[in-house]
PDB file of N, CA and C in Angstrom:
ATOM      1  N   MET A   1     -51.075  38.732 -41.470  1.00  0.00           N
ATOM      2  CA  MET A   1     -50.757  37.603 -41.091  1.00  0.00           C
ATOM      3  C   MET A   1     -51.903  36.622 -41.046  1.00  0.00           C
ATOM      4  N   ARG A   2     -51.364  35.259 -41.763  1.00  0.00           N
ATOM      5  CA  ARG A   2     -52.440  34.037 -41.877  1.00  0.00           C
ATOM      6  C   ARG A   2     -52.639  33.822 -40.558  1.00  0.00           C
ATOM      7  N   GLN A   3     -54.314  33.335 -40.357  1.00  0.00           N
ATOM      8  CA  GLN A   3     -54.654  32.241 -39.315  1.00  0.00           C
ATOM      9  C   GLN A   3     -54.197  31.159 -39.022  1.00  0.00           C
ATOM     10  N   PRO A   4     -53.711  30.552 -37.922  1.00  0.00           N
ATOM     11  CA  PRO A   4     -53.261  29.226 -38.037  1.00  0.00           C
ATOM     12  C   PRO A   4     -54.027  28.111 -38.579  1.00  0.00           C
ATOM     13  N   TRP A   5     -55.467  28.332 -38.424  1.00  0.00           N
ATOM     14  CA  TRP A   5     -56.029  27.197 -39.064  1.00  0.00           C
ATOM     15  C   TRP A   5     -55.993  26.961 -40.304  1.00  0.00           C
ATOM     16  N   LEU A   6     -55.594  28.106 -41.100  1.00  0.00           N
ATOM     17  CA  LEU A   6     -55.109  27.864 -42.705  1.00  0.00           C
ATOM     18  C   LEU A   6     -54.144  27.080 -42.899  1.00  0.00           C
ATOM     19  N   PHE A   7     -53.428  26.628 -42.063  1.00  0.00           N
ATOM     20  CA  PHE A   7     -52.395  25.846 -42.118  1.00  0.00           C
ATOM     21  C   PHE A   7     -52.561  24.289 -41.713  1.00  0.00           C
ATOM     22  N   GLY A   8     -53.513  23.878 -41.336  1.00  0.00           N
ATOM     23  CA  GLY A   8     -53.867  22.638 -40.993  1.00  0.00           C
ATOM     24  C   GLY A   8     -55.368  22.153 -41.463  1.00  0.00           C
ATOM     25  N   TYR A   9     -55.875  21.147 -40.930  1.00  0.00           N
ATOM     26  CA  TYR A   9     -57.281  20.698 -41.004  1.00  0.00           C
ATOM     27  C   TYR A   9     -58.288  21.033 -40.061  1.00  0.00           C
ATOM     28  N   GLY A  10     -59.276  21.222 -40.282  1.00  0.00           N
ATOM     29  CA  GLY A  10     -60.458  21.650 -39.454  1.00  0.00           C
ATOM     30  C   GLY A  10     -61.439  20.626 -39.808  1.00  0.00           C
ATOM     31  N   ASP A  11     -62.121  19.670 -38.604  1.00  0.00           N
ATOM     32  CA  ASP A  11     -63.262  18.902 -39.000  1.00  0.00           C
ATOM     33  C   ASP A  11     -64.306  19.084 -38.259  1.00  0.00           C
ATOM     34  N   ARG A  12     -65.532  18.945 -38.481  1.00  0.00           N
ATOM     35  CA  ARG A  12     -66.724  19.428 -37.751  1.00  0.00           C
ATOM     36  C   ARG A  12     -67.682  18.224 -37.918  1.00  0.00           C
ATOM     37  N   LEU A  13     -68.206  17.851 -36.703  1.00  0.00           N
ATOM     38  CA  LEU A  13     -69.131  16.536 -36.600  1.00  0.00           C
ATOM     39  C   LEU A  13     -70.533  17.366 -36.420  1.00  0.00           C
ATOM     40  N   ASP A  14     -71.533  16.713 -36.983  1.00  0.00           N
ATOM     41  CA  ASP A  14     -73.077  17.029 -36.583  1.00  0.00           C
ATOM     42  C   ASP A  14     -73.394  16.313 -35.513  1.00  0.00           C
ATOM     43  N   PRO A  15     -74.460  16.609 -35.007  1.00  0.00           N
ATOM     44  CA  PRO A  15     -75.177  16.232 -33.539  1.00  0.00           C
ATOM     45  C   PRO A  15     -75.399  14.495 -33.619  1.00  0.00           C
ATOM     46  N   SER A  16     -75.186  13.826 -34.690  1.00  0.00           N
ATOM     47  CA  SER A  16     -74.883  12.381 -34.520  1.00  0.00           C
ATOM     48  C   SER A  16     -73.590  11.863 -34.690  1.00  0.00           C
ATOM     49  N   GLY A  17     -72.656  12.553 -34.577  1.00  0.00           N
ATOM     50  CA  GLY A  17     -71.175  12.332 -34.778  1.00  0.00           C
ATOM     51  C   GLY A  17     -70.861  12.272 -35.891  1.00  0.00           C
ATOM     52  N   HIS A  18     -71.257  12.393 -37.096  1.00  0.00           N
ATOM     53  CA  HIS A  18     -70.884  12.134 -38.502  1.00  0.00           C
ATOM     54  C   HIS A  18     -70.339  13.411 -38.972  1.00  0.00           C
ATOM     55  N   GLN A  19     -69.192  13.320 -39.627  1.00  0.00           N
ATOM     56  CA  GLN A  19     -68.434  14.392 -40.364  1.00  0.00           C
ATOM     57  C   GLN A  19     -69.299  15.117 -41.141  1.00  0.00           C
ATOM     58  N   GLN A  20     -69.417  16.541 -41.000  1.00  0.00           N
ATOM     59  CA  GLN A  20     -70.115  17.334 -41.622  1.00  0.00           C
ATOM     60  C   GLN A  20     -69.347  18.306 -42.633  1.00  0.00           C
ATOM     61  N   ALA A  21     -68.169  18.833 -42.246  1.00  0.00           N
ATOM     62  CA  ALA A  21     -67.338  19.666 -42.763  1.00  0.00           C
ATOM     63  C   ALA A  21     -66.016  19.339 -42.682  1.00  0.00           C
ATOM     64  N   VAL A  22     -65.115  19.760 -43.735  1.00  0.00           N
ATOM     65  CA  VAL A  22     -63.905  19.703 -43.533  1.00  0.00           C
ATOM     66  C   VAL A  22     -63.280  20.990 -44.479  1.00  0.00           C
ATOM     67  N   ILE A  23     -62.319  21.495 -43.585  1.00  0.00           N
ATOM     68  CA  ILE A  23     -61.251  22.814 -44.012  1.00  0.00           C
ATOM     69  C   ILE A  23     -60.187  22.470 -44.066  1.00  0.00           C
ATOM     70  N   LYS A  24     -59.334  22.592 -45.192  1.00  0.00           N
ATOM     71  CA  LYS A  24     -57.872  22.184 -45.425  1.00  0.00           C
ATOM     72  C   LYS A  24     -57.143  23.197 -45.866  1.00  0.00           C
ATOM     73  N   GLY A  25     -56.130  23.570 -45.274  1.00  0.00           N
ATOM     74  CA  GLY A  25     -55.105  24.563 -45.668  1.00  0.00           C
ATOM     75  C   GLY A  25     -54.038  24.043 -46.474  1.00  0.00           C
ATOM     76  N   ASP A  26     -53.338  24.809 -47.493  1.00  0.00           N
ATOM     77  CA  ASP A  26     -52.086  24.312 -48.271  1.00  0.00           C
ATOM     78  C   ASP A  26     -50.826  23.748 -47.503  1.00  0.00           C
ATOM     79  N   SER A  27     -50.192  22.686 -48.267  1.00  0.00           N
ATOM     80  CA  SER A  27     -49.102  22.164 -47.706  1.00  0.00           C
ATOM     81  C   SER A  27     -49.445  21.473 -46.147  1.00  0.00           C
ATOM     82  N   VAL A  28     -50.429  20.784 -45.959  1.00  0.00           N
ATOM     83  CA  VAL A  28     -50.609  20.242 -44.705  1.00  0.00           C
ATOM     84  C   VAL A  28     -50.467  18.929 -44.768  1.00  0.00           C
ATOM     85  N   PRO A  29     -49.519  17.991 -43.779  1.00  0.00           N
ATOM     86  CA  PRO A  29     -49.377  16.944 -43.942  1.00  0.00           C
ATOM     87  C   PRO A  29     -50.728  16.060 -44.043  1.00  0.00           C
ATOM     88  N   LEU A  30     -50.965  14.901 -44.748  1.00  0.00           N
ATOM     89  CA  LEU A  30     -51.764  14.044 -44.757  1.00  0.00           C
ATOM     90  C   LEU A  30     -52.493  13.758 -43.597  1.00  0.00           C
ATOM     91  N   GLN A  31     -51.473  13.011 -42.505  1.00  0.00           N
ATOM     92  CA  GLN A  31     -51.923  12.445 -41.472  1.00  0.00           C
ATOM     93  C   GLN A  31     -52.853  13.269 -40.701  1.00  0.00           C
ATOM     94  N   SER A  32     -52.792  14.794 -40.601  1.00  0.00           N
ATOM     95  CA  SER A  32     -53.494  15.836 -40.158  1.00  0.00           C
ATOM     96  C   SER A  32     -54.944  15.606 -40.289  1.00  0.00           C
ATOM     97  N   LEU A  33     -55.672  15.268 -41.588  1.00  0.00           N
ATOM     98  CA  LEU A  33     -56.909  14.818 -41.661  1.00  0.00           C
ATOM     99  C   LEU A  33     -57.391  13.783 -40.755  1.00  0.00           C
ATOM    100  N   SER A  34     -56.964  12.818 -40.722  1.00  0.00           N
ATOM    101  CA  SER A  34     -57.504  11.706 -39.572  1.00  0.00           C
ATOM    102  C   SER A  34     -57.318  12.208 -38.158  1.00  0.00           C
ATOM    103  N   VAL A  35     -56.294  12.877 -38.105  1.00  0.00           N
ATOM    104  CA  VAL A  35     -55.908  13.419 -36.673  1.00  0.00           C
ATOM    105  C   VAL A  35     -57.118  14.544 -35.970  1.00  0.00           C
ATOM    106  N   SER A  36     -57.205  15.475 -37.137  1.00  0.00           N
ATOM    107  CA  SER A  36     -58.307  16.348 -36.685  1.00  0.00           C
ATOM    108  C   SER A  36     -59.813  15.745 -36.497  1.00  0.00           C
ATOM    109  N   TYR A  37     -60.045  14.655 -37.511  1.00  0.00           N
ATOM    110  CA  TYR A  37     -61.313  14.213 -37.357  1.00  0.00           C
ATOM    111  C   TYR A  37     -61.441  13.271 -35.996  1.00  0.00           C
ATOM    112  N   ARG A  38     -60.328  12.660 -35.340  1.00  0.00           N
ATOM    113  CA  ARG A  38     -60.208  11.909 -34.337  1.00  0.00           C
ATOM    114  C   ARG A  38     -60.208  12.880 -33.187  1.00  0.00           C
ATOM    115  N   LYS A  39     -59.746  14.147 -33.224  1.00  0.00           N
ATOM    116  CA  LYS A  39     -60.037  15.010 -32.055  1.00  0.00           C
ATOM    117  C   LYS A  39     -61.463  15.620 -32.182  1.00  0.00           C
ATOM    118  N   ALA A  40     -61.954  15.816 -32.980  1.00  0.00           N
ATOM    119  CA  ALA A  40     -63.416  16.107 -33.296  1.00  0.00           C
ATOM    120  C   ALA A  40     -64.248  15.021 -32.291  1.00  0.00           C
ATOM    121  N   TYR A  41     -64.059  13.727 -33.105  1.00  0.00           N
ATOM    122  CA  TYR A  41     -64.889  12.866 -32.266  1.00  0.00           C
ATOM    123  C   TYR A  41     -64.509  12.662 -30.811  1.00  0.00           C
ATOM    124  N   THR A  42     -63.654  12.564 -30.260  1.00  0.00           N
ATOM    125  CA  THR A  42     -63.156  12.578 -29.204  1.00  0.00           C
ATOM    126  C   THR A  42     -63.665  13.638 -28.068  1.00  0.00           C
ATOM    127  N   ALA A  43     -63.754  14.728 -28.776  1.00  0.00           N
ATOM    128  CA  ALA A  43     -64.315  16.157 -28.136  1.00  0.00           C
ATOM    129  C   ALA A  43     -65.752  15.757 -27.855  1.00  0.00           C
ATOM    130  N   TYR A  44     -66.463  15.406 -29.267  1.00  0.00           N
ATOM    131  CA  TYR A  44     -67.944  14.962 -29.061  1.00  0.00           C
ATOM    132  C   TYR A  44     -68.453  13.917 -28.251  1.00  0.00           C
ATOM    133  N   ALA A  45     -67.822  12.623 -28.595  1.00  0.00           N
ATOM    134  CA  ALA A  45     -68.091  11.344 -27.600  1.00  0.00           C
ATOM    135  C   ALA A  45     -67.785  11.637 -26.264  1.00  0.00           C
ATOM    136  N   TYR A  46     -66.773  12.229 -25.855  1.00  0.00           N
ATOM    137  CA  TYR A  46     -66.606  11.928 -24.782  1.00  0.00           C
ATOM    138  C   TYR A  46     -66.730  13.094 -23.790  1.00  0.00           C
ATOM    139  N   GLY A  47     -66.532  14.249 -24.594  1.00  0.00           N
ATOM    140  CA  GLY A  47     -66.938  15.209 -24.224  1.00  0.00           C
ATOM    141  C   GLY A  47     -68.780  15.157 -23.474  1.00  0.00           C
ATOM    142  N   LEU A  48     -69.498  14.658 -24.403  1.00  0.00           N
ATOM    143  CA  LEU A  48     -71.027  14.233 -23.916  1.00  0.00           C
ATOM    144  C   LEU A  48     -70.786  13.287 -22.624  1.00  0.00           C
ATOM    145  N   ALA A  49     -69.892  12.366 -22.887  1.00  0.00           N
ATOM    146  CA  ALA A  49     -69.975  11.192 -21.593  1.00  0.00           C
ATOM    147  C   ALA A  49     -69.357  11.802 -20.389  1.00  0.00           C
ATOM    148  N   PHE A  50     -68.344  12.823 -20.505  1.00  0.00           N
ATOM    149  CA  PHE A  50     -67.875  13.107 -19.083  1.00  0.00           C
ATOM    150  C   PHE A  50     -68.109  14.548 -19.149  1.00  0.00           C
ATOM    151  N   ASN A  51     -69.086  15.148 -19.756  1.00  0.00           N
ATOM    152  CA  ASN A  51     -69.446  16.707 -19.568  1.00  0.00           C
ATOM    153  C   ASN A  51     -68.179  17.480 -19.409  1.00  0.00           C
ATOM    154  N   LYS A  52     -67.085  17.612 -20.504  1.00  0.00           N
ATOM    155  CA  LYS A  52     -65.953  18.249 -20.826  1.00  0.00           C
ATOM    156  C   LYS A  52     -66.191  19.147 -22.001  1.00  0.00           C
ATOM    157  N   ASP A  53     -65.483  20.230 -22.118  1.00  0.00           N
ATOM    158  CA  ASP A  53     -65.634  21.114 -23.476  1.00  0.00           C
ATOM    159  C   ASP A  53     -64.475  20.972 -24.426  1.00  0.00           C
ATOM    160  N   SER A  54     -63.304  20.103 -24.091  1.00  0.00           N
ATOM    161  CA  SER A  54     -62.501  19.935 -24.993  1.00  0.00           C
ATOM    162  C   SER A  54     -61.464  18.597 -24.660  1.00  0.00           C
ATOM    163  N   THR A  55     -60.669  18.303 -25.693  1.00  0.00           N
ATOM    164  CA  THR A  55     -59.881  17.205 -25.306  1.00  0.00           C
ATOM    165  C   THR A  55     -58.928  17.676 -24.445  1.00  0.00           C
ATOM    166  N   SER A  56     -58.601  18.826 -24.023  1.00  0.00           N
ATOM    167  CA  SER A  56     -57.694  19.109 -23.037  1.00  0.00           C
ATOM    168  C   SER A  56     -58.130  19.021 -21.665  1.00  0.00           C
ATOM    169  N   GLU A  57     -59.569  19.175 -21.608  1.00  0.00           N
ATOM    170  CA  GLU A  57     -60.293  18.963 -20.456  1.00  0.00           C
ATOM    171  C   GLU A  57     -60.350  17.534 -19.844  1.00  0.00           C
ATOM    172  N   LEU A  58     -60.413  16.643 -20.982  1.00  0.00           N
ATOM    173  CA  LEU A  58     -60.511  15.347 -20.765  1.00  0.00           C
ATOM    174  C   LEU A  58     -59.206  14.822 -20.120  1.00  0.00           C
ATOM    175  N   ILE A  59     -58.084  15.241 -21.001  1.00  0.00           N
ATOM    176  CA  ILE A  59     -56.228  15.102 -20.500  1.00  0.00           C
ATOM    177  C   ILE A  59     -56.623  15.291 -19.073  1.00  0.00           C
ATOM    178  N   ALA A  60     -56.735  16.605 -18.588  1.00  0.00           N
ATOM    179  CA  ALA A  60     -56.639  16.851 -17.305  1.00  0.00           C
ATOM    180  C   ALA A  60     -57.445  16.049 -16.255  1.00  0.00           C
ATOM    181  N   ALA A  61     -58.828  15.733 -16.729  1.00  0.00           N
ATOM    182  CA  ALA A  61     -59.650  14.983 -15.749  1.00  0.00           C
ATOM    183  C   ALA A  61     -59.019  13.578 -15.762  1.00  0.00           C
ATOM    184  N   LYS A  62     -57.960  13.091 -16.391  1.00  0.00           N
ATOM    185  CA  LYS A  62     -57.343  11.726 -16.485  1.00  0.00           C
ATOM    186  C   LYS A  62     -58.437  10.915 -16.895  1.00  0.00           C
ATOM    187  N   VAL A  63     -59.325  10.978 -17.877  1.00  0.00           N
ATOM    188  CA  VAL A  63     -59.939   9.927 -18.658  1.00  0.00           C
ATOM    189  C   VAL A  63     -59.238   8.744 -18.907  1.00  0.00           C
ATOM    190  N   ALA A  64     -59.398   8.005 -18.543  1.00  0.00           N
ATOM    191  CA  ALA A  64     -58.815   6.618 -18.964  1.00  0.00           C
ATOM    192  C   ALA A  64     -58.723   6.488 -20.483  1.00  0.00           C
ATOM    193  N   GLY A  65     -57.615   6.903 -21.075  1.00  0.00           N
ATOM    194  CA  GLY A  65     -57.608   6.735 -22.506  1.00  0.00           C
ATOM    195  C   GLY A  65     -56.676   5.726 -22.905  1.00  0.00           C
ATOM    196  N   PRO A  66     -56.412   5.669 -24.479  1.00  0.00           N
ATOM    197  CA  PRO A  66     -55.697   4.641 -24.991  1.00  0.00           C
ATOM    198  C   PRO A  66     -54.163   4.434 -24.330  1.00  0.00           C
ATOM    199  N   LEU A  67     -53.558   5.389 -24.190  1.00  0.00           N
ATOM    200  CA  LEU A  67     -52.289   5.538 -23.643  1.00  0.00           C
ATOM    201  C   LEU A  67     -52.236   5.006 -22.131  1.00  0.00           C
ATOM    202  N   ASP A  68     -53.363   5.041 -21.349  1.00  0.00           N
ATOM    203  CA  ASP A  68     -53.310   4.394 -20.145  1.00  0.00           C
ATOM    204  C   ASP A  68     -53.897   3.062 -20.241  1.00  0.00           C
ATOM    205  N   GLY A  69     -54.213   2.075 -21.147  1.00  0.00           N
ATOM    206  CA  GLY A  69     -54.736   1.035 -21.242  1.00  0.00           C
ATOM    207  C   GLY A  69     -56.334   0.788 -20.740  1.00  0.00           C
ATOM    208  N   GLY A  70     -56.897   2.045 -20.683  1.00  0.00           N
ATOM    209  CA  GLY A  70     -58.069   2.087 -20.396  1.00  0.00           C
ATOM    210  C   GLY A  70     -58.864   1.267 -21.305  1.00  0.00           C
ATOM    211  N   VAL A  71     -60.450   1.117 -21.237  1.00  0.00           N
ATOM    212  CA  VAL A  71     -61.280   0.515 -21.956  1.00  0.00           C
ATOM    213  C   VAL A  71     -61.570   1.416 -23.334  1.00  0.00           C
ATOM    214  N   LEU A  72     -61.213   2.864 -23.425  1.00  0.00           N
ATOM    215  CA  LEU A  72     -61.380   3.488 -24.544  1.00  0.00           C
ATOM    216  C   LEU A  72     -59.919   2.885 -25.522  1.00  0.00           C
ATOM    217  N   ALA A  73     -59.321   2.233 -25.138  1.00  0.00           N
ATOM    218  CA  ALA A  73     -57.883   1.721 -25.923  1.00  0.00           C
ATOM    219  C   ALA A  73     -58.445   0.735 -27.267  1.00  0.00           C
ATOM    220  N   THR A  74     -59.846   0.371 -26.986  1.00  0.00           N
ATOM    221  CA  THR A  74     -60.273  -0.261 -27.857  1.00  0.00           C
ATOM    222  C   THR A  74     -60.938   0.405 -28.847  1.00  0.00           C
ATOM    223  N   GLU A  75     -61.267   1.579 -28.751  1.00  0.00           N
ATOM    224  CA  GLU A  75     -62.160   2.565 -29.650  1.00  0.00           C
ATOM    225  C   GLU A  75     -61.169   3.248 -30.771  1.00  0.00           C
ATOM    226  N   PRO A  76     -60.810   2.808 -32.114  1.00  0.00           N
ATOM    227  CA  PRO A  76     -59.845   3.709 -32.670  1.00  0.00           C
ATOM    228  C   PRO A  76     -59.793   4.950 -33.109  1.00  0.00           C
ATOM    229  N   GLU A  77     -61.006   5.614 -32.896  1.00  0.00           N
ATOM    230  CA  GLU A  77     -61.222   7.189 -33.288  1.00  0.00           C
ATOM    231  C   GLU A  77     -61.124   8.049 -32.274  1.00  0.00           C
ATOM    232  N   VAL A  78     -60.679   7.186 -31.126  1.00  0.00           N
ATOM    233  CA  VAL A  78     -60.446   8.320 -30.035  1.00  0.00           C
ATOM    234  C   VAL A  78     -59.090   8.515 -29.875  1.00  0.00           C
ATOM    235  N   ILE A  79     -58.890   9.639 -29.605  1.00  0.00           N
ATOM    236  CA  ILE A  79     -57.296  10.229 -29.503  1.00  0.00           C
ATOM    237  C   ILE A  79     -57.148  11.602 -28.435  1.00  0.00           C
ATOM    238  N   PHE A  80     -56.534  11.292 -27.495  1.00  0.00           N
ATOM    239  CA  PHE A  80     -56.286  12.246 -26.340  1.00  0.00           C
ATOM    240  C   PHE A  80     -55.264  13.090 -26.695  1.00  0.00           C
ATOM    241  N   ILE A  81     -55.430  13.973 -27.468  1.00  0.00           N
ATOM    242  CA  ILE A  81     -54.301  15.394 -27.797  1.00  0.00           C
ATOM    243  C   ILE A  81     -55.130  16.602 -28.029  1.00  0.00           C
ATOM    244  N   PRO A  82     -54.709  17.578 -27.254  1.00  0.00           N
ATOM    245  CA  PRO A  82     -55.465  18.812 -27.412  1.00  0.00           C
ATOM    246  C   PRO A  82     -55.540  19.116 -29.063  1.00  0.00           C
ATOM    247  N   GLY A  83     -56.801  19.777 -29.057  1.00  0.00           N
ATOM    248  CA  GLY A  83     -56.966  20.301 -30.538  1.00  0.00           C
ATOM    249  C   GLY A  83     -58.606  19.993 -30.872  1.00  0.00           C
ATOM    250  N   GLY A  84     -59.421  19.144 -29.801  1.00  0.00           N
ATOM    251  CA  GLY A  84     -60.864  19.183 -30.061  1.00  0.00           C
ATOM    252  C   GLY A  84     -61.620  19.841 -29.070  1.00  0.00           C
ATOM    253  N   VAL A  85     -62.726  20.185 -29.555  1.00  0.00           N
ATOM    254  CA  VAL A  85     -63.688  21.145 -28.934  1.00  0.00           C
ATOM    255  C   VAL A  85     -64.985  20.664 -29.130  1.00  0.00           C
ATOM    256  N   THR A  86     -65.516  20.285 -27.905  1.00  0.00           N
ATOM    257  CA  THR A  86     -67.312  19.798 -27.564  1.00  0.00           C
ATOM    258  C   THR A  86     -67.986  21.267 -28.232  1.00  0.00           C
ATOM    259  N   LEU A  87     -68.973  21.225 -29.168  1.00  0.00           N
ATOM    260  CA  LEU A  87     -69.894  22.304 -29.242  1.00  0.00           C
ATOM    261  C   LEU A  87     -71.048  21.965 -28.678  1.00  0.00           C
ATOM    262  N   ARG A  88     -71.509  23.013 -28.090  1.00  0.00           N
ATOM    263  CA  ARG A  88     -72.972  23.163 -27.379  1.00  0.00           C
ATOM    264  C   ARG A  88     -73.615  24.381 -27.525  1.00  0.00           C
ATOM    265  N   THR A  89     -75.020  24.210 -27.379  1.00  0.00           N
ATOM    266  CA  THR A  89     -75.884  24.980 -27.135  1.00  0.00           C
ATOM    267  C   THR A  89     -75.680  25.882 -26.271  1.00  0.00           C
ATOM    268  N   ALA A  90     -76.113  27.193 -25.935  1.00  0.00           N
ATOM    269  CA  ALA A  90     -76.607  28.102 -25.117  1.00  0.00           C
ATOM    270  C   ALA A  90     -76.943  27.285 -23.438  1.00  0.00           C
ATOM    271  N   ASP A  91     -77.696  26.246 -23.638  1.00  0.00           N
ATOM    272  CA  ASP A  91     -78.045  25.585 -22.760  1.00  0.00           C
ATOM    273  C   ASP A  91     -77.421  24.525 -22.446  1.00  0.00           C
ATOM    274  N   ARG A  92     -76.337  23.994 -23.024  1.00  0.00           N
ATOM    275  CA  ARG A  92     -75.172  23.098 -22.733  1.00  0.00           C
ATOM    276  C   ARG A  92     -75.315  21.736 -23.271  1.00  0.00           C
ATOM    277  N   THR A  93     -76.547  21.836 -24.472  1.00  0.00           N
ATOM    278  CA  THR A  93     -76.921  20.299 -25.027  1.00  0.00           C
ATOM    279  C   THR A  93     -75.320  20.461 -26.003  1.00  0.00           C
ATOM    280  N   VAL A  94     -75.163  19.282 -26.155  1.00  0.00           N
ATOM    281  CA  VAL A  94     -74.005  19.110 -27.422  1.00  0.00           C
ATOM    282  C   VAL A  94     -74.525  18.595 -28.309  1.00  0.00           C
ATOM    283  N   ILE A  95     -73.887  19.303 -29.583  1.00  0.00           N
ATOM    284  CA  ILE A  95     -74.568  19.572 -30.914  1.00  0.00           C
ATOM    285  C   ILE A  95     -73.442  19.092 -31.856  1.00  0.00           C
ATOM    286  N   GLY A  96     -72.264  18.531 -31.540  1.00  0.00           N
ATOM    287  CA  GLY A  96     -71.187  18.327 -32.178  1.00  0.00           C
ATOM    288  C   GLY A  96     -69.782  18.526 -31.704  1.00  0.00           C
ATOM    289  N   GLY A  97     -68.821  18.206 -32.551  1.00  0.00           N
ATOM    290  CA  GLY A  97     -67.546  18.549 -32.279  1.00  0.00           C
ATOM    291  C   GLY A  97     -66.596  19.315 -33.278  1.00  0.00           C
ATOM    292  N   ILE A  98     -65.712  20.042 -32.848  1.00  0.00           N
ATOM    293  CA  ILE A  98     -64.556  20.251 -33.746  1.00  0.00           C
ATOM    294  C   ILE A  98     -63.324  19.857 -33.648  1.00  0.00           C
ATOM    295  N   GLY A  99     -62.295  19.346 -34.495  1.00  0.00           N
ATOM    296  CA  GLY A  99     -61.141  19.323 -34.155  1.00  0.00           C
ATOM    297  C   GLY A  99     -60.248  20.102 -35.296  1.00  0.00           C
ATOM    298  N   VAL A 100     -59.034  20.424 -34.872  1.00  0.00           N
ATOM    299  CA  VAL A 100     -58.028  20.954 -35.561  1.00  0.00           C
ATOM    300  C   VAL A 100     -56.697  20.291 -35.370  1.00  0.00           C
ATOM    301  N   SER A 101     -55.875  19.966 -36.519  1.00  0.00           N
ATOM    302  CA  SER A 101     -54.510  19.548 -36.633  1.00  0.00           C
ATOM    303  C   SER A 101     -53.772  19.991 -37.846  1.00  0.00           C
ATOM    304  N   GLY A 102     -52.783  20.468 -37.335  1.00  0.00           N
ATOM    305  CA  GLY A 102     -51.871  20.792 -38.330  1.00  0.00           C
ATOM    306  C   GLY A 102     -51.038  21.915 -37.715  1.00  0.00           C
ATOM    307  N   ALA A 103     -51.444  22.712 -36.586  1.00  0.00           N
ATOM    308  CA  ALA A 103     -50.499  23.779 -36.394  1.00  0.00           C
ATOM    309  C   ALA A 103     -49.457  23.425 -35.393  1.00  0.00           C
ATOM    310  N   PRO A 104     -48.020  23.946 -35.289  1.00  0.00           N
ATOM    311  CA  PRO A 104     -47.178  23.451 -34.715  1.00  0.00           C
ATOM    312  C   PRO A 104     -47.486  23.665 -33.020  1.00  0.00           C
ATOM    313  N   GLY A 105     -48.142  22.700 -32.629  1.00  0.00           N
ATOM    314  CA  GLY A 105     -48.290  22.298 -31.213  1.00  0.00           C
ATOM    315  C   GLY A 105     -50.039  22.280 -30.858  1.00  0.00           C
ATOM    316  N   GLY A 106     -50.460  21.373 -30.021  1.00  0.00           N
ATOM    317  CA  GLY A 106     -52.004  20.925 -29.896  1.00  0.00           C
ATOM    318  C   GLY A 106     -52.484  22.336 -29.269  1.00  0.00           C
ATOM    319  N   ASP A 107     -51.800  23.131 -28.604  1.00  0.00           N
ATOM    320  CA  ASP A 107     -52.535  24.279 -27.594  1.00  0.00           C
ATOM    321  C   ASP A 107     -52.886  25.295 -28.757  1.00  0.00           C
ATOM    322  N   LYS A 108     -52.096  25.273 -30.029  1.00  0.00           N
ATOM    323  CA  LYS A 108     -52.593  26.109 -31.046  1.00  0.00           C
ATOM    324  C   LYS A 108     -53.732  25.633 -31.862  1.00  0.00           C
ATOM    325  N   ASP A 109     -53.750  24.304 -31.850  1.00  0.00           N
ATOM    326  CA  ASP A 109     -54.955  23.741 -32.520  1.00  0.00           C
ATOM    327  C   ASP A 109     -56.021  24.143 -32.015  1.00  0.00           C
ATOM    328  N   GLU A 110     -56.116  23.726 -30.567  1.00  0.00           N
ATOM    329  CA  GLU A 110     -57.461  24.172 -29.731  1.00  0.00           C
ATOM    330  C   GLU A 110     -57.701  25.396 -29.839  1.00  0.00           C
ATOM    331  N   ALA A 111     -56.840  26.358 -29.732  1.00  0.00           N
ATOM    332  CA  ALA A 111     -57.278  27.935 -29.633  1.00  0.00           C
ATOM    333  C   ALA A 111     -57.816  28.065 -31.119  1.00  0.00           C
ATOM    334  N   CYS A 112     -57.487  27.837 -32.119  1.00  0.00           N
ATOM    335  CA  CYS A 112     -58.234  27.481 -33.279  1.00  0.00           C
ATOM    336  C   CYS A 112     -59.566  26.898 -33.568  1.00  0.00           C
ATOM    337  N   ALA A 113     -59.720  25.968 -32.537  1.00  0.00           N
ATOM    338  CA  ALA A 113     -61.032  25.143 -32.767  1.00  0.00           C
ATOM    339  C   ALA A 113     -62.041  25.820 -31.801  1.00  0.00           C
ATOM    340  N   GLN A 114     -61.965  26.422 -30.587  1.00  0.00           N
ATOM    341  CA  GLN A 114     -62.191  27.083 -29.945  1.00  0.00           C
ATOM    342  C   GLN A 114     -62.874  28.802 -30.670  1.00  0.00           C
ATOM    343  N   CYS A 115     -62.135  29.181 -31.331  1.00  0.00           N
ATOM    344  CA  CYS A 115     -62.389  30.198 -32.291  1.00  0.00           C
ATOM    345  C   CYS A 115     -63.464  29.827 -33.149  1.00  0.00           C
ATOM    346  N   ARG A 116     -63.302  29.020 -33.846  1.00  0.00           N
ATOM    347  CA  ARG A 116     -64.325  28.403 -34.968  1.00  0.00           C
ATOM    348  C   ARG A 116     -65.432  28.044 -34.153  1.00  0.00           C
ATOM    349  N   GLY A 117     -65.614  27.386 -33.003  1.00  0.00           N
ATOM    350  CA  GLY A 117     -66.731  27.005 -32.205  1.00  0.00           C
ATOM    351  C   GLY A 117     -67.528  28.180 -31.880  1.00  0.00           C
ATOM    352  N   ALA A 118     -66.788  29.337 -31.628  1.00  0.00           N
ATOM    353  CA  ALA A 118     -67.720  30.080 -31.078  1.00  0.00           C
ATOM    354  C   ALA A 118     -68.236  31.103 -32.105  1.00  0.00           C
ATOM    355  N   ALA A 119     -67.829  30.758 -33.167  1.00  0.00           N
ATOM    356  CA  ALA A 119     -68.630  31.400 -34.338  1.00  0.00           C
ATOM    357  C   ALA A 119     -69.752  31.318 -34.922  1.00  0.00           C
TER     358      ALA A 119
END
């Protein structure tokens, strides 16, 4: 059985928030590339700001995002959809983010991102 991340895009951001690596599966919709980057960016930038470890945690914390008309609505790279994970060292220093898009459901995207982040 193939791993779900082989069917989508995976983005990794470095400690400065820039794209470091992209993994792409076959037959993935093009929009998944920008969505995976935006998930990684959101997990990195707002995980750092709000001390959360994933886009799901940001959503659960009801951080004022674009759909709520909050201040983040002006930031085009922010997206509050499950599938982004904040990368941290053992002492919880933020060192980047991973975003996965393309699996059938954000919960699966985030599970893949968490597996890749633990590797």
